[in-house]
Amino acid sequence: MEYKKRVMGGYNLHLIKTDKFKICHVEVIFRNNVDVNEITKRQFLTKMLCENNEDYPSRRKLLLKFEDLYNVSIYGQTSKVGESIITNICADFLNPEYTEKGMVKESIKLLFEMIFKPNVKNKEFDIKSFELIKERLKDSIKSAYDSPQRYAVLNALKSLCNTPTSYSNLGSLSDLEDITPENLYECYEKMLKNDYVDIFVVGNLDMDEIADYIDEYAHFKVIKNHPINMYVVNPKIKEKYVADKFDSVQSHIVMILNFNNLTDYEKKYVVNLYNMILGGGSLQTKLYKKLRSENSLCYGVSSYYQKYDGIIIINTSVDIGNSDTAVKLIRAALKDMTNNISNEEINDAKELLVSSLNSIKDDVDRITNNYYYQDLGEIDDIETRIKSFKNVTKEEIYALSKKISISLVYNLEGGNDE
């Protein structure tokens, strides 16, 4: 795998040559500081840009064009990462070895036409497409609150201080109602003008030729130099307990752990290993053994590390009436992390992390993600990371555990109010 970066003025171009896949992947990444009032618009805009465009103003016409290009796929997503918001618009198409001449250029041209030639008249998005996407987004937001587990996590995060960590990545129904075809177009213009842009190409391609195509179609001319913050500062707060009710056959518990004054080394390596041993790895984690194996309180329990928010989120679902017992066992698992980690636990966690890192090369999305954050200076190269994870000691994990505190215990109590 060969990686090269070119600074192109209004964007950075990242070329990753590999013969590992039958498809080629081009990804345009927009990044800026998150604004809570813009999250819903960015979600809406992402879906609008991938629905149709000026030349193919209906989904049916666009799909026919996709078929002409050997089933090229164009799709997108928007996510909140710490204090930043990231929008990805991607295209996957067959390696030119399996198609006819000109298909690669046409596929790349179509990707950028989706971005630069949206279905717009008089600075307003097409109303028919707008209403269709609005209903889809409304259903998506509502469905998140129909799932008690997702509802519990979303409400737990809202219960934190008013920082970007508490913002829902999905957006909100109230913000959705305020969006119009006109102000959505304003959001589009703002994104093109103000966002940092990185373009990634992964595949077995003539990269000089691809760079020429992208230079022809990627009309990003504005050079940005404003700062973008990645890490949320979540101040240490006194532990609080929040309980809500939900019509469910189980209760759903979310516990949020906060970090205090971590070093870069701890953020990159020690916390990841801590989390794998606690609840982010195999069926032999501390949490799984305490709650499931030894006490049969739940079917599953997990923890996941949100690096840029500086938190670990623990969640599980238990039968009604077992919430207090579950919380006590979670606290016991956290206590074990301070002084009772076996050599087998730390070695198993290291093996899982190394295996995950080695598998990055087998997935185009993970390859792109890896080089993107490596370019931002947020992660090291794979070889350095593998070596560093292998060298993390039990004592470093114990020392880290002293910098962790519980910010919130959230209990979404099951049952029926009636």
Protein backbone atom coordinates (compact mmCIF):
# COMPACT_ATOMS: atom_id res chain seq x y z
CA MET A 1 0.00 0.00 0.00
CA GLU A 2 1.46 3.33 -1.10
CA TYR A 3 0.31 6.66 0.39
CA LYS A 4 0.95 10.14 -0.99
CA LYS A 5 -0.49 13.52 -0.01
CA ARG A 6 -0.80 16.57 -2.23
CA VAL A 7 -1.76 20.03 -0.95
CA MET A 8 -4.01 21.50 -3.62
CA GLY A 9 -4.87 24.91 -2.17
CA GLY A 10 -8.55 24.63 -1.29
CA TYR A 11 -8.24 20.95 -0.37
CA ASN A 12 -5.78 18.20 0.47
CA LEU A 13 -5.61 15.18 -1.83
CA HIS A 14 -4.66 11.80 -0.33
CA LEU A 15 -3.77 9.02 -2.78
CA ILE A 16 -3.63 5.44 -1.45
CA LYS A 17 -2.62 2.91 -4.10
CA THR A 18 -3.47 -0.73 -3.37
CA ASP A 19 -4.44 -3.78 -5.43
CA LYS A 20 -6.29 -5.40 -2.53
CA PHE A 21 -9.83 -4.55 -3.70
CA LYS A 22 -11.96 -4.92 -6.82
CA ILE A 23 -13.55 -1.57 -6.09
CA CYS A 24 -12.10 1.91 -5.90
CA HIS A 25 -13.15 4.43 -3.27
CA VAL A 26 -13.21 8.24 -3.45
CA GLU A 27 -14.25 10.15 -0.34
CA VAL A 28 -14.72 13.88 0.11
CA ILE A 29 -14.50 14.87 3.78
CA PHE A 30 -15.79 18.24 5.05
CA ARG A 31 -14.83 19.28 8.59
CA ASN A 32 -15.59 22.26 10.80
CA ASN A 33 -16.39 23.25 14.36
CA VAL A 34 -19.74 21.88 15.48
CA ASP A 35 -22.67 24.23 16.00
CA VAL A 36 -25.61 22.69 17.85
CA ASN A 37 -28.00 24.72 15.70
CA GLU A 38 -26.54 23.30 12.48
CA ILE A 39 -26.41 19.55 13.22
CA THR A 40 -29.89 18.80 11.89
CA LYS A 41 -29.25 20.91 8.79
CA ARG A 42 -26.00 19.07 8.08
CA GLN A 43 -27.77 15.72 8.39
CA PHE A 44 -30.50 16.99 6.05
CA LEU A 45 -27.99 18.44 3.59
CA THR A 46 -25.99 15.20 3.38
CA LYS A 47 -29.10 13.26 2.41
CA MET A 48 -30.18 15.93 -0.11
CA LEU A 49 -26.82 15.93 -1.88
CA CYS A 50 -26.93 12.15 -2.33
CA GLU A 51 -30.59 11.95 -3.43
CA ASN A 52 -30.33 13.54 -6.90
CA ASN A 53 -28.82 16.56 -8.66
CA GLU A 54 -29.40 19.13 -11.38
CA ASP A 55 -28.74 16.76 -14.29
CA TYR A 56 -30.57 13.82 -12.70
CA PRO A 57 -33.39 15.53 -10.79
CA SER A 58 -35.18 12.33 -9.72
CA ARG A 59 -33.86 9.34 -7.82
CA ARG A 60 -34.91 7.05 -10.66
CA LYS A 61 -32.89 8.98 -13.25
CA LEU A 62 -29.87 9.00 -10.95
CA LEU A 63 -30.09 5.24 -10.36
CA LEU A 64 -30.18 4.67 -14.12
CA LYS A 65 -26.99 6.71 -14.39
CA PHE A 66 -25.45 4.59 -11.62
CA GLU A 67 -26.26 1.48 -13.67
CA ASP A 68 -24.61 2.99 -16.75
CA LEU A 69 -21.44 3.40 -14.69
CA TYR A 70 -21.37 -0.29 -13.69
CA ASN A 71 -23.40 0.29 -10.52
CA VAL A 72 -21.35 3.08 -9.04
CA SER A 73 -22.54 3.88 -5.51
CA ILE A 74 -22.66 7.43 -4.11
CA TYR A 75 -23.58 7.94 -0.47
CA GLY A 76 -22.85 10.14 2.52
CA GLN A 77 -23.03 10.61 6.25
CA THR A 78 -22.56 13.34 8.85
CA SER A 79 -21.17 12.70 12.32
CA LYS A 80 -20.16 14.72 15.34
CA VAL A 81 -16.64 13.98 16.53
CA GLY A 82 -15.81 15.77 19.75
CA GLU A 83 -16.07 19.51 19.03
CA SER A 84 -16.09 19.04 15.26
CA ILE A 85 -18.68 18.04 12.68
CA ILE A 86 -17.65 15.87 9.74
CA THR A 87 -19.56 15.22 6.52
CA ASN A 88 -18.40 12.45 4.17
CA ILE A 89 -19.59 12.16 0.56
CA CYS A 90 -18.30 8.96 -1.04
CA ALA A 91 -18.25 7.06 -4.32
CA ASP A 92 -17.45 3.37 -4.83
CA PHE A 93 -16.89 2.07 -8.35
CA LEU A 94 -15.33 -0.94 -10.04
CA ASN A 95 -11.64 -1.10 -10.71
CA PRO A 96 -11.11 -0.02 -14.37
CA GLU A 97 -9.73 -3.50 -15.08
CA TYR A 98 -13.33 -4.76 -14.99
CA THR A 99 -15.02 -1.93 -16.90
CA GLU A 100 -14.57 -0.01 -20.12
CA LYS A 101 -12.38 3.00 -20.81
CA GLY A 102 -13.64 6.31 -19.41
CA MET A 103 -15.72 4.84 -16.57
CA VAL A 104 -13.36 6.04 -13.84
CA LYS A 105 -13.40 9.63 -15.06
CA GLU A 106 -17.19 9.57 -15.47
CA SER A 107 -17.64 8.17 -11.95
CA ILE A 108 -15.43 10.84 -10.40
CA LYS A 109 -17.16 13.52 -12.46
CA LEU A 110 -20.56 12.37 -11.20
CA LEU A 111 -19.40 12.42 -7.57
CA PHE A 112 -18.39 16.07 -7.82
CA GLU A 113 -21.50 16.97 -9.80
CA MET A 114 -23.52 15.64 -6.86
CA ILE A 115 -21.63 18.12 -4.67
CA PHE A 116 -21.41 21.13 -6.97
CA LYS A 117 -24.60 20.78 -9.02
CA PRO A 118 -27.37 20.06 -6.51
CA ASN A 119 -31.05 20.03 -7.47
CA VAL A 120 -31.54 23.76 -6.80
CA LYS A 121 -33.45 26.63 -8.38
CA ASN A 122 -33.27 30.26 -7.26
CA LYS A 123 -31.10 29.25 -4.29
CA GLU A 124 -33.69 26.82 -2.97
CA PHE A 125 -33.53 23.04 -2.94
CA ASP A 126 -36.15 21.20 -4.98
CA ILE A 127 -39.28 21.13 -2.82
CA LYS A 128 -40.38 17.61 -3.79
CA SER A 129 -37.02 16.10 -2.84
CA PHE A 130 -36.90 18.33 0.22
CA GLU A 131 -40.21 17.03 1.60
CA LEU A 132 -39.21 13.43 0.91
CA ILE A 133 -35.92 13.75 2.76
CA LYS A 134 -37.59 15.62 5.60
CA GLU A 135 -39.97 12.71 6.23
CA ARG A 136 -37.12 10.21 6.13
CA LEU A 137 -35.09 12.24 8.59
CA LYS A 138 -38.10 12.66 10.86
CA ASP A 139 -38.63 8.90 10.92
CA SER A 140 -34.94 8.35 11.62
CA ILE A 141 -34.93 10.71 14.61
CA LYS A 142 -38.16 9.22 15.98
CA SER A 143 -36.91 5.65 15.61
CA ALA A 144 -33.92 6.43 17.83
CA TYR A 145 -36.29 7.26 20.65
CA ASP A 146 -38.35 4.11 20.06
CA SER A 147 -35.37 1.99 21.10
CA PRO A 148 -35.04 2.11 24.91
CA GLN A 149 -31.28 1.43 24.79
CA ARG A 150 -30.60 4.27 22.33
CA TYR A 151 -33.05 6.50 24.18
CA ALA A 152 -31.17 5.85 27.43
CA VAL A 153 -27.78 6.75 25.93
CA LEU A 154 -29.13 9.92 24.24
CA ASN A 155 -30.82 11.08 27.43
CA ALA A 156 -27.78 10.27 29.54
CA LEU A 157 -25.57 12.42 27.31
CA LYS A 158 -28.13 15.25 27.45
CA SER A 159 -27.87 15.12 31.24
CA LEU A 160 -24.21 16.18 31.09
CA CYS A 161 -23.09 19.80 31.12
CA ASN A 162 -23.98 21.82 28.03
CA THR A 163 -20.92 20.82 25.98
CA PRO A 164 -20.76 19.30 22.48
CA THR A 165 -20.76 15.85 24.14
CA SER A 166 -24.40 16.42 25.03
CA TYR A 167 -25.41 17.25 21.44
CA SER A 168 -27.31 14.53 19.60
CA ASN A 169 -25.61 13.46 16.40
CA LEU A 170 -29.05 12.79 14.90
CA GLY A 171 -30.34 16.35 15.19
CA SER A 172 -33.73 17.23 16.65
CA LEU A 173 -37.35 17.28 15.51
CA SER A 174 -37.79 20.91 16.58
CA ASP A 175 -34.77 22.01 14.50
CA LEU A 176 -36.04 19.92 11.60
CA GLU A 177 -39.30 21.88 11.50
CA ASP A 178 -37.36 25.15 11.15
CA ILE A 179 -35.46 24.02 8.06
CA THR A 180 -36.60 25.40 4.70
CA PRO A 181 -35.34 24.80 1.15
CA GLU A 182 -33.86 28.29 1.31
CA ASN A 183 -31.98 28.13 4.61
CA LEU A 184 -30.78 24.60 3.74
CA TYR A 185 -29.15 26.07 0.64
CA GLU A 186 -27.53 28.72 2.85
CA CYS A 187 -26.10 25.89 4.94
CA TYR A 188 -24.79 24.27 1.75
CA GLU A 189 -23.03 27.46 0.63
CA LYS A 190 -21.57 27.90 4.10
CA MET A 191 -20.18 24.35 4.11
CA LEU A 192 -18.51 24.80 0.71
CA LYS A 193 -17.02 28.13 1.72
CA ASN A 194 -15.90 27.46 5.30
CA ASP A 195 -15.20 23.75 5.77
CA TYR A 196 -11.78 22.19 5.52
CA VAL A 197 -11.82 19.64 2.70
CA ASP A 198 -9.81 16.42 2.32
CA ILE A 199 -10.24 14.07 -0.64
CA PHE A 200 -9.15 10.43 -0.39
CA VAL A 201 -8.68 7.98 -3.24
CA VAL A 202 -8.16 4.27 -2.50
CA GLY A 203 -7.63 1.66 -5.21
CA ASN A 204 -5.45 0.20 -7.93
CA LEU A 205 -5.46 3.29 -10.12
CA ASP A 206 -3.10 5.55 -12.06
CA MET A 207 -2.92 8.13 -9.30
CA ASP A 208 -1.43 10.90 -11.44
CA GLU A 209 -4.35 10.51 -13.84
CA ILE A 210 -6.84 10.48 -10.94
CA ALA A 211 -5.27 13.62 -9.48
CA ASP A 212 -5.82 15.36 -12.84
CA TYR A 213 -9.50 14.32 -12.89
CA ILE A 214 -10.07 15.57 -9.38
CA ASP A 215 -8.29 18.84 -10.11
CA GLU A 216 -10.67 19.29 -13.04
CA TYR A 217 -13.88 18.67 -11.09
CA ALA A 218 -13.14 19.57 -7.44
CA HIS A 219 -13.80 23.32 -7.43
CA PHE A 220 -12.67 24.01 -3.88
CA LYS A 221 -10.79 27.29 -4.16
CA VAL A 222 -11.02 28.91 -0.70
CA ILE A 223 -8.03 28.29 1.57
CA LYS A 224 -9.10 27.94 5.22
CA ASN A 225 -6.93 28.74 8.20
CA HIS A 226 -9.32 29.04 11.15
CA PRO A 227 -8.73 26.68 14.11
CA ILE A 228 -10.86 23.57 14.56
CA ASN A 229 -11.08 22.03 17.99
CA MET A 230 -11.31 18.25 18.25
CA TYR A 231 -11.35 17.63 21.99
CA VAL A 232 -14.30 18.55 24.22
CA VAL A 233 -13.38 19.83 27.65
CA ASN A 234 -15.81 18.10 29.99
CA PRO A 235 -15.02 19.48 33.45
CA LYS A 236 -14.99 17.08 36.38
CA ILE A 237 -18.38 17.16 38.06
CA LYS A 238 -19.80 15.60 41.16
CA GLU A 239 -21.43 12.27 40.41
CA LYS A 240 -25.16 12.53 39.85
CA TYR A 241 -27.98 10.04 39.51
CA VAL A 242 -30.81 10.55 37.03
CA ALA A 243 -33.86 8.30 36.63
CA ASP A 244 -36.59 8.36 33.97
CA LYS A 245 -39.47 6.05 33.10
CA PHE A 246 -40.02 4.15 29.85
CA ASP A 247 -42.64 1.64 28.77
CA SER A 248 -40.27 -1.31 28.50
CA VAL A 249 -39.95 -4.83 29.89
CA GLN A 250 -36.46 -4.01 31.19
CA SER A 251 -34.58 -1.15 32.83
CA HIS A 252 -31.68 0.39 30.90
CA ILE A 253 -28.61 1.65 32.72
CA VAL A 254 -26.01 4.06 31.35
CA MET A 255 -22.95 5.08 33.33
CA ILE A 256 -20.62 7.80 32.07
CA LEU A 257 -16.99 7.92 33.17
CA ASN A 258 -15.03 11.16 32.94
CA PHE A 259 -11.25 11.57 32.52
CA ASN A 260 -9.11 14.14 34.23
CA ASN A 261 -5.79 15.52 32.91
CA LEU A 262 -4.76 12.68 30.63
CA THR A 263 -1.51 12.73 28.69
CA ASP A 264 -1.53 12.22 24.91
CA TYR A 265 -0.03 8.77 25.46
CA GLU A 266 -2.84 7.84 27.84
CA LYS A 267 -5.52 9.10 25.41
CA LYS A 268 -4.05 7.13 22.51
CA TYR A 269 -3.09 3.91 24.23
CA VAL A 270 -3.75 3.34 27.90
CA VAL A 271 -7.47 4.26 27.82
CA ASN A 272 -8.07 1.96 24.85
CA LEU A 273 -6.56 -0.96 26.72
CA TYR A 274 -8.40 0.00 29.92
CA ASN A 275 -11.69 0.01 28.01
CA MET A 276 -11.04 -3.34 26.33
CA ILE A 277 -10.47 -4.99 29.70
CA LEU A 278 -13.41 -3.23 31.31
CA GLY A 279 -16.14 -3.90 28.76
CA GLY A 280 -15.08 -3.18 25.19
CA GLY A 281 -13.54 -6.49 24.25
CA SER A 282 -14.46 -10.17 24.40
CA LEU A 283 -16.94 -12.06 26.59
CA GLN A 284 -14.26 -12.16 29.28
CA THR A 285 -14.37 -8.47 30.21
CA LYS A 286 -14.74 -7.33 33.81
CA LEU A 287 -18.27 -6.10 33.23
CA TYR A 288 -19.43 -9.21 31.38
CA LYS A 289 -18.08 -11.54 34.05
CA LYS A 290 -19.61 -9.51 36.91
CA LEU A 291 -23.05 -8.95 35.43
CA ARG A 292 -23.59 -11.85 33.05
CA SER A 293 -21.37 -14.81 33.87
CA GLU A 294 -21.44 -14.59 37.66
CA ASN A 295 -24.88 -13.07 38.31
CA SER A 296 -26.99 -13.61 35.15
CA LEU A 297 -28.37 -10.07 35.32
CA CYS A 298 -28.26 -9.28 31.60
CA TYR A 299 -27.73 -10.65 28.13
CA GLY A 300 -25.03 -8.14 27.35
CA VAL A 301 -23.07 -5.25 28.80
CA SER A 302 -20.51 -3.08 27.04
CA SER A 303 -18.33 -0.03 27.36
CA TYR A 304 -17.02 2.21 24.61
CA TYR A 305 -14.43 4.94 24.61
CA GLN A 306 -15.24 8.32 23.02
CA LYS A 307 -11.75 9.71 22.74
CA TYR A 308 -12.60 13.24 21.61
CA ASP A 309 -15.27 13.65 24.28
CA GLY A 310 -12.99 12.29 26.99
CA ILE A 311 -15.52 9.76 28.29
CA ILE A 312 -16.31 6.07 28.50
CA ILE A 313 -19.97 5.06 28.22
CA ILE A 314 -21.14 1.85 29.93
CA ASN A 315 -24.59 0.49 29.12
CA THR A 316 -26.66 -2.55 29.88
CA SER A 317 -30.28 -3.72 30.22
CA VAL A 318 -31.53 -5.65 33.23
CA ASP A 319 -34.84 -6.97 34.52
CA ILE A 320 -36.98 -4.49 36.42
CA GLY A 321 -35.91 -4.35 40.05
CA ASN A 322 -32.26 -5.26 39.38
CA SER A 323 -30.94 -1.78 38.61
CA ASP A 324 -29.35 -1.18 42.01
CA THR A 325 -27.61 -4.56 41.93
CA ALA A 326 -26.30 -3.91 38.43
CA VAL A 327 -24.90 -0.51 39.40
CA LYS A 328 -23.15 -2.05 42.43
CA LEU A 329 -21.56 -4.69 40.21
CA ILE A 330 -20.42 -2.07 37.68
CA ARG A 331 -18.79 -0.17 40.54
CA ALA A 332 -17.11 -3.41 41.64
CA ALA A 333 -15.73 -3.90 38.12
CA LEU A 334 -14.37 -0.34 38.15
CA LYS A 335 -12.75 -1.06 41.51
CA ASP A 336 -11.07 -4.14 40.05
CA MET A 337 -9.59 -1.93 37.32
CA THR A 338 -7.63 -0.05 39.99
CA ASN A 339 -5.74 -3.03 41.43
CA ASN A 340 -6.94 -6.41 40.17
CA ILE A 341 -6.11 -7.00 36.49
CA SER A 342 -4.71 -10.40 35.57
CA ASN A 343 -1.91 -11.01 33.08
CA GLU A 344 -4.35 -13.05 31.01
CA GLU A 345 -6.82 -10.11 30.83
CA ILE A 346 -4.21 -7.61 29.70
CA ASN A 347 -2.70 -10.02 27.15
CA ASP A 348 -6.13 -10.90 25.69
CA ALA A 349 -6.97 -7.19 25.36
CA LYS A 350 -3.69 -6.50 23.60
CA GLU A 351 -4.28 -9.36 21.16
CA LEU A 352 -7.75 -8.03 20.31
CA LEU A 353 -6.41 -4.52 19.71
CA VAL A 354 -3.53 -5.74 17.55
CA SER A 355 -5.91 -7.95 15.55
CA SER A 356 -8.23 -4.99 15.00
CA LEU A 357 -5.35 -2.81 13.81
CA ASN A 358 -4.10 -5.47 11.41
CA SER A 359 -7.58 -5.80 9.90
CA ILE A 360 -7.67 -2.08 8.96
CA LYS A 361 -5.97 -2.94 5.68
CA ASP A 362 -8.92 -5.16 4.70
CA ASP A 363 -11.54 -2.39 4.57
CA VAL A 364 -11.50 0.73 2.37
CA ASP A 365 -13.49 2.80 4.87
CA ARG A 366 -11.12 1.95 7.72
CA ILE A 367 -8.10 2.65 5.51
CA THR A 368 -9.48 6.11 4.73
CA ASN A 369 -10.36 6.77 8.35
CA ASN A 370 -6.91 5.64 9.49
CA TYR A 371 -4.98 7.91 7.15
CA TYR A 372 -7.34 10.83 7.80
CA TYR A 373 -6.78 10.88 11.54
CA GLN A 374 -3.12 10.09 11.07
CA ASP A 375 -2.82 13.18 8.85
CA LEU A 376 -4.58 15.26 11.52
CA GLY A 377 -1.94 14.11 14.01
CA GLU A 378 -4.48 12.34 16.20
CA ILE A 379 -3.14 8.80 15.78
CA ASP A 380 0.19 7.18 14.94
CA ASP A 381 0.86 4.81 12.06
CA ILE A 382 -0.32 1.22 12.49
CA GLU A 383 3.13 -0.24 13.25
CA THR A 384 3.77 2.37 15.96
CA ARG A 385 0.35 1.77 17.48
CA ILE A 386 0.84 -2.00 17.59
CA LYS A 387 4.21 -1.61 19.29
CA SER A 388 2.86 0.96 21.76
CA PHE A 389 -0.17 -1.17 22.73
CA LYS A 390 2.09 -4.16 23.34
CA ASN A 391 4.23 -2.06 25.68
CA VAL A 392 1.41 -0.72 27.89
CA THR A 393 1.91 -2.01 31.42
CA LYS A 394 -0.52 -3.01 34.14
CA GLU A 395 0.90 -0.23 36.32
CA GLU A 396 0.04 2.37 33.66
CA ILE A 397 -3.55 1.14 33.63
CA TYR A 398 -3.73 1.30 37.43
CA ALA A 399 -2.34 4.86 37.32
CA LEU A 400 -4.91 5.81 34.69
CA SER A 401 -7.77 4.45 36.80
CA LYS A 402 -6.99 7.11 39.42
CA LYS A 403 -7.77 9.78 36.80
CA ILE A 404 -11.24 8.37 36.10
CA SER A 405 -14.39 9.44 37.90
CA ILE A 406 -18.08 8.66 37.50
CA SER A 407 -19.99 11.67 36.16
CA LEU A 408 -23.43 10.14 35.76
CA VAL A 409 -25.51 7.10 36.58
CA TYR A 410 -28.62 7.12 34.39
CA ASN A 411 -31.45 4.64 34.95
CA LEU A 412 -34.25 4.38 32.41
CA GLU A 413 -36.66 2.40 34.53
CA GLY A 414 -38.81 -0.09 32.70
CA GLY A 415 -42.46 -0.86 33.37
CA ASN A 416 -45.78 0.59 32.38
CA ASP A 417 -47.09 3.75 34.06
CA GLU A 418 -50.59 2.34 33.92
